Amino acid sequence: MYFTDRGIEELESRRGDEEVSLAWLAERLRTFVDLNPDFEIAVDRLATWLARADDEDD
């Protein structure tokens, strides 16, 4: 198990029944980067990966 799995598991257990919009998620990611600029590259990569998840080229 990766260390990050703990955070993912907490997210799922606390909010697993909720539905959110992508606009809400994008705003939360922007806020996170504003508060934690050292994570800008990682958040950008995650957002790009999520945006392209359905691309056939992957």
Protein backbone atom coordinates (compact mmCIF):
# COMPACT_ATOMS: atom_id res chain seq x y z
CA MET A 1 0.00 0.00 0.00
CA TYR A 2 1.28 3.44 -0.87
CA PHE A 3 1.23 6.15 1.78
CA THR A 4 -1.26 8.10 -0.36
CA ASP A 5 -3.71 5.21 -0.19
CA ARG A 6 -4.54 6.26 3.37
CA GLY A 7 -5.73 9.64 2.16
CA ILE A 8 -7.67 8.07 -0.69
CA GLU A 9 -9.29 5.62 1.71
CA GLU A 10 -10.22 8.44 4.09
CA LEU A 11 -11.72 10.40 1.20
CA GLU A 12 -13.77 7.40 0.16
CA SER A 13 -14.95 6.58 3.68
CA ARG A 14 -15.87 10.19 4.54
CA ARG A 15 -17.34 11.28 1.20
CA GLY A 16 -17.92 8.08 -0.73
CA ASP A 17 -21.68 8.54 -0.92
CA GLU A 18 -21.52 12.16 -2.10
CA GLU A 19 -21.79 13.36 -5.66
CA VAL A 20 -19.72 16.37 -6.70
CA SER A 21 -19.36 18.32 -9.91
CA LEU A 22 -16.10 18.69 -11.76
CA ALA A 23 -16.41 22.44 -11.27
CA TRP A 24 -16.46 21.86 -7.48
CA LEU A 25 -13.40 19.59 -7.74
CA ALA A 26 -11.54 22.11 -9.90
CA GLU A 27 -12.22 24.88 -7.39
CA ARG A 28 -11.04 22.69 -4.49
CA LEU A 29 -7.85 21.86 -6.42
CA ARG A 30 -7.22 25.57 -7.07
CA THR A 31 -7.71 26.34 -3.38
CA PHE A 32 -5.36 23.52 -2.42
CA VAL A 33 -2.64 24.81 -4.75
CA ASP A 34 -3.11 28.36 -3.45
CA LEU A 35 -2.53 27.05 0.08
CA ASN A 36 0.18 24.54 -0.94
CA PRO A 37 2.09 25.92 -3.94
CA ASP A 38 4.74 23.20 -3.65
CA PHE A 39 2.12 20.74 -4.93
CA GLU A 40 1.26 22.72 -8.07
CA ILE A 41 3.00 20.30 -10.44
CA ALA A 42 1.44 17.20 -8.86
CA VAL A 43 -2.05 18.73 -8.91
CA ASP A 44 -1.57 19.84 -12.52
CA ARG A 45 -0.52 16.33 -13.52
CA LEU A 46 -3.49 14.80 -11.71
CA ALA A 47 -5.93 17.24 -13.31
CA THR A 48 -4.45 16.62 -16.77
CA TRP A 49 -4.62 12.85 -16.25
CA LEU A 50 -8.26 13.07 -15.13
CA ALA A 51 -9.13 15.35 -18.05
CA ARG A 52 -7.63 12.91 -20.56
CA ALA A 53 -8.74 9.65 -18.88
CA ASP A 54 -11.02 8.73 -21.77
CA ASP A 55 -8.56 9.53 -24.57
CA GLU A 56 -7.98 6.53 -26.80
CA ASP A 57 -4.30 7.41 -27.21
CA ASP A 58 -3.43 6.31 -23.66
